[in-house]
Amino acid sequence: MMARFSSGTKMLFIMTAALMPLGLIALFASIQSAHIKRLQHEADAQLVATAEARQIDLLLIRVANVARFTAGAAAERADRCADLIAEAQRLARMEARLAVFAPNGLLRCATPGFAARGLPAPRGNIGLDLLILNDPGGGVRFSVAAGDGGYGVGEISAPELRRAAGFADQDQGIALQQGEAKLVLARTKKRLPLDQRITVDAAIAGGQASLTLVQIISTISAVELLLILLPLLMWAAAAAIGWIVIKELLLRPLAQLQRAVAAASNAEGPFTMPRLQTPALEIQTLGEAFGAATEQIAHREAELEEGLRSQVLLTREVHHRVKNNLQVVASLINLHARGAKGEVAGAYATIQRRVDALAVVHRNHYAELEQNRGVALRSILSELTANLRATAPASADGLSITLDIIPVHISQDTAVPVAFLVTEIIELLIDHAPTASARVTATALASDKAVLSVASKALVDPAVTGSAGHEDFQRIVTGLSRQLRAAMEFDAVNGCYAIAIPIIPEEEAIAEAP
């Protein structure tokens, strides 16, 4: 697999593998450092969250004490309830809404604008009952019990809670949560894609709710980034040095040698050793080996060209002699047929047509010899059917043959049985249905297959199927189909013989002659 890569790429792989342990060590150290740094940030965030929760607890305790005192004083001096509420606002030192209730739950008085009627008393015996409000106004509501059984209720807004927590860091987010209720006091978001979130919780109001602190921290410091990039920088430097060494001492001389070899190949001349800028003994030896190899290759190519030329001439001579021999045989048959009469003359004509079929195939194959494209199916069938019509007896003047052949090529091994097959079928019509019409078609079946069919209504006529030579005809057709290695199909309704024949694919039909 490595053989497919260039030398520079291989050098890069080797340097990468050599520096991989160092990179893994640096990566492990960076991960450990980042983990320790995160733990430290989490500890710091927990301290901050605890301190802010403590500040909110102190605010709640101070305002709850004011509310409890006001509720107790209002039980003794109900007529001054409104004044007591105003005094409680001053003692709380903040904008808090307060309400005082009698033991039976009736509202005694409340801060102006505070819809406190119907608010419940504290649950159980806890000193301060807290409820987080996540309505549009936002804030917390608390209730405390007074000594006479009455109770006070107060609400603190979100801005007051934010000021009490002492929030000032833009990288921190604060929220109060109680079950499904959540009050966001401050929001934060990542400023960089690699920033991380640290989330810690701290209890408030004795665990009735919790303060959630979200802090954004930077993942990688400058030192850690340098530690991570150091192996990459070392890898780049080593790869660059290795590449320069390989390129100057090996690749550049090899490229010069390659150009010299290519120039010698294109010019078909002797190989000339180039003047190398960084001559190396191994490359000099390689160049000398190339020179010797090119001389041997040139000599052998000359011998092969001479042998090929002789082979082509010999092949042409053989084909020429075979063509002449077929013409001699055809002439001899024609001479003997002139003095024959009756069935003997018919037999001579039949033999003559079969020899003509073979001659047609050979003549077309010889014509295509230079291109080696096989035999054109349309050409041989056109010439074959024309010869059959021309040599048919006078009684068959009414015989008509139409062709519908696709432009494909077939091999000579296929052309011979195809020519004989068409000849046998047309010969059967000439002998027993001389006025019939026949249609020869060839249609594509696949890239390397075609369907050859000869159709005539006379092929199902009893005068043809019941003739004396029909049985011999069937045996001959079966034998020819075996040569084509395909099954001959006969349509007994329309009178059609059809068989699949191999054809030369289009991409192979343009190959040059050997």
Protein backbone atom coordinates (compact mmCIF):
# COMPACT_ATOMS: atom_id res chain seq x y z
CA MET A 1 0.00 0.00 0.00
CA MET A 2 2.85 2.41 0.85
CA ALA A 3 4.29 1.82 -2.63
CA ARG A 4 1.50 3.96 -4.10
CA PHE A 5 2.70 7.09 -2.25
CA SER A 6 5.54 9.38 -3.27
CA SER A 7 8.80 9.57 -1.33
CA GLY A 8 7.85 12.92 0.18
CA THR A 9 4.56 11.52 1.45
CA LYS A 10 6.33 8.51 2.93
CA MET A 11 8.79 10.81 4.68
CA LEU A 12 5.87 12.78 6.09
CA PHE A 13 4.32 9.57 7.45
CA ILE A 14 7.62 8.51 9.01
CA MET A 15 8.13 11.87 10.73
CA THR A 16 4.56 11.85 11.98
CA ALA A 17 4.96 8.36 13.45
CA ALA A 18 8.28 9.32 15.06
CA LEU A 19 6.84 12.42 16.74
CA MET A 20 3.56 10.79 17.75
CA PRO A 21 4.78 9.68 21.26
CA LEU A 22 5.90 13.23 22.03
CA GLY A 23 2.59 14.59 20.85
CA LEU A 24 0.66 12.08 22.97
CA ILE A 25 2.70 13.00 26.06
CA ALA A 26 2.08 16.70 25.49
CA LEU A 27 -1.61 16.06 24.88
CA PHE A 28 -1.92 14.02 28.07
CA ALA A 29 -0.16 16.73 30.04
CA SER A 30 -2.49 19.37 28.58
CA ILE A 31 -5.54 17.29 29.45
CA GLN A 32 -4.34 16.83 33.03
CA SER A 33 -3.57 20.52 33.35
CA ALA A 34 -6.99 21.45 31.99
CA HIS A 35 -8.64 19.00 34.42
CA ILE A 36 -6.79 20.43 37.43
CA LYS A 37 -7.59 23.94 36.26
CA ARG A 38 -11.27 23.06 35.98
CA LEU A 39 -11.33 21.59 39.48
CA GLN A 40 -9.77 24.79 40.79
CA HIS A 41 -12.36 26.88 38.96
CA GLU A 42 -15.14 24.72 40.39
CA ALA A 43 -13.78 25.21 43.94
CA ASP A 44 -13.55 28.97 43.40
CA ALA A 45 -17.06 29.08 41.96
CA GLN A 46 -18.39 27.12 44.95
CA LEU A 47 -16.87 29.65 47.31
CA VAL A 48 -18.43 32.51 45.37
CA ALA A 49 -21.83 30.78 45.27
CA THR A 50 -21.71 30.10 49.04
CA ALA A 51 -20.81 33.74 49.75
CA GLU A 52 -23.61 35.07 47.55
CA ALA A 53 -26.10 32.64 49.08
CA ARG A 54 -24.99 33.86 52.51
CA GLN A 55 -25.64 37.48 51.51
CA ILE A 56 -29.14 36.61 50.33
CA ASP A 57 -29.77 34.69 53.59
CA LEU A 58 -28.70 37.74 55.60
CA LEU A 59 -31.06 39.92 53.58
CA LEU A 60 -33.95 37.51 54.15
CA ILE A 61 -33.22 37.27 57.89
CA ARG A 62 -33.03 41.05 58.29
CA VAL A 63 -36.29 41.71 56.41
CA ALA A 64 -38.01 38.74 58.12
CA ASN A 65 -37.07 40.08 61.57
CA VAL A 66 -38.50 43.46 60.62
CA ALA A 67 -41.70 41.78 59.42
CA ARG A 68 -41.97 39.70 62.64
CA PHE A 69 -41.46 42.76 64.87
CA THR A 70 -44.03 44.74 62.89
CA ALA A 71 -46.59 41.91 63.12
CA GLY A 72 -46.08 41.70 66.93
CA ALA A 73 -46.36 45.46 67.39
CA ALA A 74 -49.47 45.65 65.22
CA ALA A 75 -51.19 43.11 67.50
CA GLU A 76 -50.88 45.54 70.43
CA ARG A 77 -51.48 48.76 68.53
CA ALA A 78 -53.72 47.92 65.59
CA ASP A 79 -54.63 51.56 65.08
CA ARG A 80 -51.01 52.38 64.19
CA CYS A 81 -50.52 49.45 61.78
CA ALA A 82 -49.91 51.71 58.78
CA ASP A 83 -47.26 53.70 60.69
CA LEU A 84 -45.61 50.47 61.77
CA ILE A 85 -45.41 49.33 58.15
CA ALA A 86 -43.74 52.63 57.15
CA GLU A 87 -41.27 52.29 60.06
CA ALA A 88 -40.54 48.70 58.95
CA GLN A 89 -39.71 49.95 55.44
CA ARG A 90 -37.17 52.36 56.96
CA LEU A 91 -35.64 49.66 59.16
CA ALA A 92 -35.35 47.19 56.22
CA ARG A 93 -33.26 49.80 54.32
CA MET A 94 -34.66 48.58 51.03
CA GLU A 95 -37.77 48.60 48.87
CA ALA A 96 -39.61 45.59 50.28
CA ARG A 97 -43.37 45.07 50.31
CA LEU A 98 -44.73 44.02 53.72
CA ALA A 99 -48.13 42.91 55.02
CA VAL A 100 -49.39 42.09 58.57
CA PHE A 101 -52.13 39.48 59.20
CA ALA A 102 -54.22 38.65 62.30
CA PRO A 103 -54.23 35.08 63.70
CA ASN A 104 -57.45 34.37 61.79
CA GLY A 105 -55.79 35.35 58.46
CA LEU A 106 -57.40 38.78 58.09
CA LEU A 107 -55.18 41.48 56.61
CA ARG A 108 -54.40 44.19 59.16
CA CYS A 109 -52.31 46.45 56.92
CA ALA A 110 -49.89 46.31 54.00
CA THR A 111 -47.46 48.40 51.99
CA PRO A 112 -49.35 50.60 49.54
CA GLY A 113 -49.77 48.77 46.23
CA PHE A 114 -49.14 45.31 47.75
CA ALA A 115 -52.05 42.97 46.88
CA ALA A 116 -51.48 40.84 49.98
CA ARG A 117 -55.04 39.84 50.85
CA GLY A 118 -55.45 36.07 51.23
CA LEU A 119 -51.74 35.21 51.44
CA PRO A 120 -51.23 32.08 53.56
CA ALA A 121 -49.52 31.79 56.95
CA PRO A 122 -46.12 30.12 57.39
CA ARG A 123 -46.12 26.34 56.99
CA GLY A 124 -45.31 24.29 60.06
CA ASN A 125 -43.03 25.53 62.77
CA ILE A 126 -40.24 26.85 60.54
CA GLY A 127 -39.06 30.34 61.32
CA LEU A 128 -39.17 31.59 57.74
CA ASP A 129 -41.27 30.13 54.96
CA LEU A 130 -39.81 31.02 51.52
CA LEU A 131 -41.47 30.91 48.08
CA ILE A 132 -39.79 31.83 44.78
CA LEU A 133 -41.96 33.82 42.36
CA ASN A 134 -41.20 33.29 38.70
CA ASP A 135 -44.01 35.55 37.48
CA PRO A 136 -43.18 38.54 35.22
CA GLY A 137 -42.37 40.72 38.25
CA GLY A 138 -40.05 38.13 39.78
CA GLY A 139 -38.73 37.94 43.35
CA VAL A 140 -39.22 35.92 46.53
CA ARG A 141 -42.04 35.88 49.11
CA PHE A 142 -41.55 34.94 52.73
CA SER A 143 -43.82 34.65 55.75
CA VAL A 144 -42.91 34.69 59.48
CA ALA A 145 -45.03 34.00 62.56
CA ALA A 146 -45.57 36.60 65.34
CA GLY A 147 -45.96 35.91 69.07
CA ASP A 148 -49.78 36.33 69.22
CA GLY A 149 -50.42 33.87 66.40
CA GLY A 150 -50.48 36.54 63.73
CA TYR A 151 -47.93 36.57 60.92
CA GLY A 152 -46.13 38.86 58.52
CA VAL A 153 -45.61 38.42 54.79
CA GLY A 154 -43.00 40.19 52.66
CA GLU A 155 -41.84 40.23 49.05
CA ILE A 156 -38.35 41.15 47.83
CA SER A 157 -37.84 42.01 44.17
CA ALA A 158 -35.20 40.52 41.89
CA PRO A 159 -33.11 43.73 41.67
CA GLU A 160 -32.88 43.86 45.49
CA LEU A 161 -31.79 40.22 45.58
CA ARG A 162 -29.18 40.91 42.86
CA ARG A 163 -27.77 43.83 44.86
CA ALA A 164 -27.72 41.74 48.01
CA ALA A 165 -25.74 38.99 46.26
CA GLY A 166 -23.12 41.56 45.26
CA PHE A 167 -23.11 40.39 41.60
CA ALA A 168 -20.64 42.30 39.41
CA ASP A 169 -18.90 39.72 37.17
CA GLN A 170 -20.16 39.52 33.58
CA ASP A 171 -18.84 35.94 33.32
CA GLN A 172 -21.24 34.77 36.06
CA GLY A 173 -24.91 33.93 35.92
CA ILE A 174 -27.11 33.63 39.07
CA ALA A 175 -30.50 31.97 39.46
CA LEU A 176 -32.67 30.96 42.43
CA GLN A 177 -34.47 27.67 42.07
CA GLN A 178 -37.18 25.96 44.11
CA GLY A 179 -38.61 22.85 42.50
CA GLU A 180 -39.90 23.86 39.08
CA ALA A 181 -39.84 27.56 39.93
CA LYS A 182 -36.76 29.44 38.78
CA LEU A 183 -35.82 33.11 39.18
CA VAL A 184 -32.93 34.34 37.02
CA LEU A 185 -31.05 37.20 38.64
CA ALA A 186 -28.24 37.51 36.08
CA ARG A 187 -27.53 35.86 32.74
CA THR A 188 -24.25 35.04 31.05
CA LYS A 189 -23.14 33.49 27.77
CA LYS A 190 -20.01 32.17 26.11
CA ARG A 191 -17.83 34.75 24.42
CA LEU A 192 -15.53 32.25 22.67
CA PRO A 193 -16.42 28.87 21.13
CA LEU A 194 -14.01 27.00 23.42
CA ASP A 195 -15.26 28.57 26.65
CA GLN A 196 -16.73 26.20 29.25
CA ARG A 197 -19.54 26.51 31.76
CA ILE A 198 -19.13 25.65 35.44
CA THR A 199 -22.35 25.25 37.40
CA VAL A 200 -22.46 25.02 41.22
CA ASP A 201 -25.31 25.19 43.77
CA ALA A 202 -25.58 26.63 47.29
CA ALA A 203 -28.57 26.32 49.65
CA ILE A 204 -30.51 29.37 50.88
CA ALA A 205 -33.22 29.71 53.56
CA GLY A 206 -32.18 26.52 55.29
CA GLY A 207 -32.38 24.46 52.10
CA GLN A 208 -35.85 25.62 51.02
CA ALA A 209 -34.30 26.89 47.78
CA SER A 210 -30.91 26.91 46.11
CA LEU A 211 -28.71 29.47 44.43
CA THR A 212 -27.26 28.26 41.11
CA LEU A 213 -24.08 29.95 39.93
CA VAL A 214 -22.98 29.58 36.29
CA GLN A 215 -19.44 30.74 35.57
CA ILE A 216 -17.78 30.97 32.13
CA ILE A 217 -14.11 30.03 32.06
CA SER A 218 -11.53 29.92 29.31
CA THR A 219 -10.63 26.33 28.36
CA ILE A 220 -7.07 26.80 27.14
CA SER A 221 -4.50 29.26 28.40
CA ALA A 222 -1.64 30.63 26.30
CA VAL A 223 0.85 28.25 27.94
CA GLU A 224 -1.41 25.24 27.34
CA LEU A 225 -1.98 26.30 23.75
CA LEU A 226 1.77 26.57 23.20
CA LEU A 227 2.26 23.15 24.81
CA ILE A 228 -0.30 21.62 22.46
CA LEU A 229 1.07 23.35 19.36
CA LEU A 230 4.71 22.56 20.16
CA PRO A 231 4.58 18.98 18.78
CA LEU A 232 2.81 20.27 15.68
CA LEU A 233 5.50 22.90 15.16
CA MET A 234 8.21 20.27 15.65
CA TRP A 235 6.42 17.95 13.23
CA ALA A 236 6.16 20.73 10.63
CA ALA A 237 9.84 21.64 11.01
CA ALA A 238 10.96 18.00 10.79
CA ALA A 239 8.70 17.34 7.80
CA ALA A 240 9.99 20.46 6.03
CA ILE A 241 13.62 19.53 6.65
CA GLY A 242 13.01 15.96 5.54
CA TRP A 243 11.17 17.14 2.44
CA ILE A 244 13.97 19.53 1.46
CA VAL A 245 16.59 16.81 1.92
CA ILE A 246 14.60 14.24 -0.06
CA LYS A 247 13.71 16.72 -2.78
CA GLU A 248 17.23 18.09 -3.33
CA LEU A 249 19.16 14.84 -2.99
CA LEU A 250 16.70 12.39 -4.51
CA LEU A 251 13.54 13.74 -6.11
CA ARG A 252 15.08 16.52 -8.21
CA PRO A 253 17.79 14.26 -9.76
CA LEU A 254 15.16 11.56 -10.37
CA ALA A 255 12.90 14.12 -12.06
CA GLN A 256 15.76 15.16 -14.36
CA LEU A 257 16.43 11.52 -15.11
CA GLN A 258 12.75 10.93 -15.81
CA ARG A 259 12.59 13.86 -18.24
CA ALA A 260 15.65 12.52 -20.05
CA VAL A 261 14.07 9.06 -20.35
CA ALA A 262 10.78 10.59 -21.59
CA ALA A 263 12.63 12.72 -24.15
CA ALA A 264 14.51 9.65 -25.39
CA SER A 265 11.24 7.69 -25.64
CA ASN A 266 9.43 10.43 -27.57
CA ALA A 267 12.29 11.08 -29.92
CA GLU A 268 12.99 7.36 -30.33
CA GLY A 269 16.68 8.11 -30.06
CA PRO A 270 19.49 7.06 -27.75
CA PHE A 271 19.28 7.87 -24.06
CA THR A 272 21.53 10.76 -22.93
CA MET A 273 22.47 11.00 -19.27
CA PRO A 274 21.45 14.46 -17.97
CA ARG A 275 23.79 16.72 -16.02
CA LEU A 276 22.60 16.28 -12.43
CA GLN A 277 22.85 19.18 -9.96
CA THR A 278 23.40 16.87 -7.00
CA PRO A 279 25.03 13.81 -8.55
CA ALA A 280 24.76 10.68 -6.48
CA LEU A 281 26.47 7.38 -7.24
CA GLU A 282 23.21 5.45 -7.07
CA ILE A 283 21.44 7.79 -9.49
CA GLN A 284 24.41 7.75 -11.87
CA THR A 285 24.26 3.95 -11.85
CA LEU A 286 20.53 4.08 -12.44
CA GLY A 287 21.01 6.40 -15.43
CA GLU A 288 23.57 4.06 -16.97
CA ALA A 289 21.16 1.16 -16.46
CA PHE A 290 18.45 3.19 -18.22
CA GLY A 291 20.77 3.81 -21.14
CA ALA A 292 21.55 0.11 -21.54
CA ALA A 293 17.87 -0.81 -21.17
CA THR A 294 16.74 1.70 -23.80
CA GLU A 295 19.29 0.34 -26.29
CA GLN A 296 18.02 -3.21 -25.74
CA ILE A 297 14.39 -2.10 -25.97
CA ALA A 298 15.02 -0.21 -29.21
CA HIS A 299 16.72 -3.25 -30.72
CA ARG A 300 13.90 -5.58 -29.69
CA GLU A 301 11.24 -3.16 -30.93
CA ALA A 302 12.90 -3.12 -34.33
CA GLU A 303 12.87 -6.91 -34.40
CA LEU A 304 9.21 -7.00 -33.33
CA GLU A 305 8.19 -4.46 -35.96
CA GLU A 306 9.94 -6.50 -38.65
CA GLY A 307 8.25 -9.69 -37.44
CA LEU A 308 4.86 -7.96 -37.29
CA ARG A 309 5.30 -6.63 -40.81
CA SER A 310 6.11 -10.13 -42.06
CA GLN A 311 3.12 -11.55 -40.17
CA VAL A 312 0.73 -9.01 -41.69
CA LEU A 313 2.04 -9.79 -45.19
CA LEU A 314 1.71 -13.51 -44.54
CA THR A 315 -1.86 -13.09 -43.24
CA ARG A 316 -2.82 -11.04 -46.26
CA GLU A 317 -1.33 -13.67 -48.54
CA VAL A 318 -3.24 -16.47 -46.78
CA HIS A 319 -6.53 -14.59 -47.03
CA HIS A 320 -5.85 -13.77 -50.64
CA ARG A 321 -5.17 -17.42 -51.47
CA VAL A 322 -8.29 -18.59 -49.59
CA LYS A 323 -10.40 -16.06 -51.47
CA ASN A 324 -8.93 -17.22 -54.78
CA ASN A 325 -9.53 -20.86 -53.85
CA LEU A 326 -13.17 -20.14 -53.05
CA GLN A 327 -13.53 -18.38 -56.38
CA VAL A 328 -11.96 -21.42 -58.14
CA VAL A 329 -14.37 -23.76 -56.33
CA ALA A 330 -17.31 -21.54 -57.26
CA SER A 331 -16.17 -21.45 -60.89
CA LEU A 332 -15.78 -25.25 -61.05
CA ILE A 333 -19.26 -25.77 -59.61
CA ASN A 334 -20.63 -23.28 -62.11
CA LEU A 335 -18.94 -25.12 -65.00
CA HIS A 336 -20.30 -28.50 -63.91
CA ALA A 337 -23.77 -27.04 -63.37
CA ARG A 338 -24.01 -25.83 -66.98
CA GLY A 339 -24.37 -29.32 -68.40
CA ALA A 340 -26.63 -30.62 -65.63
CA LYS A 341 -30.41 -30.73 -65.71
CA GLY A 342 -33.29 -31.39 -63.35
CA GLU A 343 -32.47 -32.30 -59.75
CA VAL A 344 -28.72 -32.41 -60.45
CA ALA A 345 -28.80 -28.80 -61.63
CA GLY A 346 -30.78 -27.84 -58.51
CA ALA A 347 -28.21 -29.59 -56.32
CA TYR A 348 -25.38 -27.76 -58.03
CA ALA A 349 -27.24 -24.45 -57.51
CA THR A 350 -27.74 -25.25 -53.84
CA ILE A 351 -24.03 -26.01 -53.37
CA GLN A 352 -23.15 -22.88 -55.32
CA ARG A 353 -25.23 -20.71 -52.99
CA ARG A 354 -23.58 -22.20 -49.88
CA VAL A 355 -20.10 -21.64 -51.31
CA ASP A 356 -21.15 -18.06 -52.12
CA ALA A 357 -22.29 -17.62 -48.50
CA LEU A 358 -18.86 -18.68 -47.22
CA ALA A 359 -17.16 -16.46 -49.81
CA VAL A 360 -19.23 -13.46 -48.70
CA VAL A 361 -18.17 -13.94 -45.09
CA HIS A 362 -14.51 -14.36 -46.03
CA ARG A 363 -14.53 -11.37 -48.38
CA ASN A 364 -16.01 -9.08 -45.72
CA HIS A 365 -13.60 -10.36 -43.09
CA TYR A 366 -10.66 -9.73 -45.41
CA ALA A 367 -11.94 -6.18 -46.07
CA GLU A 368 -12.01 -5.44 -42.33
CA LEU A 369 -8.62 -7.02 -41.65
CA GLU A 370 -6.73 -3.72 -41.35
CA GLN A 371 -9.05 -2.40 -38.62
CA ASN A 372 -9.72 -5.76 -36.96
CA ARG A 373 -13.28 -4.75 -36.20
CA GLY A 374 -14.78 -8.12 -37.05
CA VAL A 375 -17.35 -8.55 -39.81
CA ALA A 376 -20.14 -6.04 -40.40
CA LEU A 377 -23.40 -7.95 -39.97
CA ARG A 378 -25.42 -5.62 -42.20
CA SER A 379 -22.82 -5.84 -44.99
CA ILE A 380 -22.63 -9.63 -45.16
CA LEU A 381 -26.41 -10.13 -44.94
CA SER A 382 -27.02 -7.50 -47.65
CA GLU A 383 -24.51 -9.13 -50.01
CA LEU A 384 -25.66 -12.64 -49.07
CA THR A 385 -29.37 -12.01 -49.73
CA ALA A 386 -28.53 -10.21 -52.97
CA ASN A 387 -26.55 -13.24 -54.18
CA LEU A 388 -29.37 -15.58 -53.15
CA ARG A 389 -31.88 -13.55 -55.16
CA ALA A 390 -29.52 -13.35 -58.11
CA THR A 391 -28.77 -17.08 -58.21
CA ALA A 392 -32.32 -18.23 -57.52
CA PRO A 393 -34.05 -20.18 -60.34
CA ALA A 394 -36.58 -18.52 -62.62
CA SER A 395 -39.41 -20.08 -60.62
CA ALA A 396 -38.38 -17.96 -57.62
CA ASP A 397 -38.62 -14.60 -59.35
CA GLY A 398 -41.50 -13.69 -57.05
CA LEU A 399 -39.39 -14.19 -53.90
CA SER A 400 -38.80 -10.93 -51.99
CA ILE A 401 -36.32 -10.42 -49.15
CA THR A 402 -36.29 -7.29 -46.93
CA LEU A 403 -33.60 -6.43 -44.39
CA ASP A 404 -33.69 -4.50 -41.11
CA ILE A 405 -30.21 -4.89 -39.61
CA ILE A 406 -28.59 -2.78 -36.89
CA PRO A 407 -24.99 -1.62 -37.59
CA VAL A 408 -23.00 -4.08 -35.48
CA HIS A 409 -19.94 -6.26 -36.01
CA ILE A 410 -19.56 -9.98 -35.34
CA SER A 411 -16.57 -12.30 -35.29
CA GLN A 412 -15.77 -14.66 -38.15
CA ASP A 413 -16.66 -17.63 -35.94
CA THR A 414 -20.15 -16.15 -35.63
CA ALA A 415 -20.41 -14.87 -39.20
CA VAL A 416 -20.01 -18.31 -40.84
CA PRO A 417 -22.92 -20.09 -39.06
CA VAL A 418 -25.06 -16.93 -39.36
CA ALA A 419 -24.50 -16.84 -43.15
CA PHE A 420 -25.26 -20.57 -43.48
CA LEU A 421 -28.35 -20.23 -41.25
CA VAL A 422 -29.85 -17.43 -43.37
CA THR A 423 -28.90 -19.32 -46.54
CA GLU A 424 -30.63 -22.51 -45.36
CA ILE A 425 -33.87 -20.72 -44.48
CA ILE A 426 -33.97 -18.71 -47.73
CA GLU A 427 -33.00 -21.89 -49.66
CA LEU A 428 -36.00 -23.67 -48.07
CA LEU A 429 -38.29 -20.89 -49.33
CA ILE A 430 -36.70 -20.96 -52.81
CA ASP A 431 -37.35 -24.70 -53.10
CA HIS A 432 -40.85 -24.92 -51.59
CA ALA A 433 -42.34 -21.37 -51.51
CA PRO A 434 -40.69 -19.49 -54.41
CA THR A 435 -43.22 -16.64 -54.37
CA ALA A 436 -43.03 -15.98 -50.61
CA SER A 437 -41.70 -12.84 -48.93
CA ALA A 438 -39.12 -13.01 -46.14
CA ARG A 439 -37.87 -10.43 -43.65
CA VAL A 440 -34.42 -10.65 -42.06
CA THR A 441 -33.97 -8.50 -38.94
CA ALA A 442 -31.30 -8.01 -36.29
CA THR A 443 -32.12 -6.09 -33.09
CA ALA A 444 -29.95 -5.30 -30.06
CA LEU A 445 -30.48 -7.46 -26.99
CA ALA A 446 -27.54 -6.27 -24.86
CA SER A 447 -24.15 -4.60 -25.36
CA ASP A 448 -22.72 -7.95 -26.50
CA LYS A 449 -25.86 -9.71 -27.81
CA ALA A 450 -28.28 -9.28 -30.71
CA VAL A 451 -31.34 -11.20 -31.88
CA LEU A 452 -31.24 -12.42 -35.50
CA SER A 453 -34.60 -13.44 -36.94
CA VAL A 454 -35.86 -14.62 -40.36
CA ALA A 455 -39.63 -14.38 -40.68
CA SER A 456 -41.98 -15.53 -43.44
CA LYS A 457 -45.58 -16.71 -43.35
CA ALA A 458 -44.56 -19.47 -45.79
CA LEU A 459 -42.40 -21.11 -43.10
CA VAL A 460 -45.59 -22.43 -41.47
CA ASP A 461 -47.21 -23.44 -44.76
CA PRO A 462 -47.81 -27.24 -45.01
CA ALA A 463 -46.12 -27.22 -48.39
CA VAL A 464 -42.91 -26.19 -46.60
CA THR A 465 -43.24 -28.01 -43.26
CA GLY A 466 -44.38 -31.20 -44.99
CA SER A 467 -41.71 -31.22 -47.68
CA ALA A 468 -39.24 -34.10 -48.01
CA GLY A 469 -36.23 -31.98 -47.12
CA HIS A 470 -37.76 -30.26 -44.09
CA GLU A 471 -36.43 -32.87 -41.68
CA ASP A 472 -32.88 -32.41 -42.99
CA PHE A 473 -33.41 -28.65 -42.80
CA GLN A 474 -34.31 -28.94 -39.10
CA ARG A 475 -31.17 -30.96 -38.38
CA ILE A 476 -28.98 -28.42 -40.17
CA VAL A 477 -30.59 -25.48 -38.34
CA THR A 478 -30.15 -27.26 -35.00
CA GLY A 479 -26.48 -27.91 -35.77
CA LEU A 480 -25.89 -24.26 -36.71
CA SER A 481 -27.59 -23.06 -33.50
CA ARG A 482 -25.20 -25.30 -31.54
CA GLN A 483 -22.27 -23.60 -33.25
CA LEU A 484 -23.72 -20.28 -32.11
CA ARG A 485 -24.21 -21.74 -28.59
CA ALA A 486 -27.79 -20.53 -28.40
CA ALA A 487 -31.25 -22.03 -28.68
CA MET A 488 -33.14 -21.56 -31.94
CA GLU A 489 -36.70 -20.35 -31.30
CA PHE A 490 -39.47 -20.89 -33.83
CA ASP A 491 -42.76 -18.97 -33.79
CA ALA A 492 -45.22 -21.50 -35.24
CA VAL A 493 -47.92 -18.81 -35.60
CA ASN A 494 -46.04 -16.10 -37.51
CA GLY A 495 -43.37 -18.33 -39.07
CA CYS A 496 -40.25 -16.79 -37.53
CA TYR A 497 -36.88 -18.34 -36.67
CA ALA A 498 -35.00 -16.30 -34.04
CA ILE A 499 -31.68 -16.83 -32.26
CA ALA A 500 -29.43 -14.73 -30.01
CA ILE A 501 -25.97 -14.17 -31.50
CA PRO A 502 -22.86 -12.62 -29.90
CA ILE A 503 -21.75 -9.25 -31.24
CA ILE A 504 -18.56 -7.24 -30.71
CA PRO A 505 -19.19 -4.36 -28.22
CA GLU A 506 -18.82 -0.90 -29.67
CA GLU A 507 -15.73 -0.06 -27.55
CA GLU A 508 -13.96 -3.20 -28.79
CA ALA A 509 -14.99 -2.81 -32.44
CA ILE A 510 -12.53 0.05 -32.94
CA ALA A 511 -9.42 -1.84 -31.85
CA GLU A 512 -6.48 -1.71 -34.22
CA ALA A 513 -5.16 -4.78 -35.97
CA PRO A 514 -2.29 -6.59 -34.21
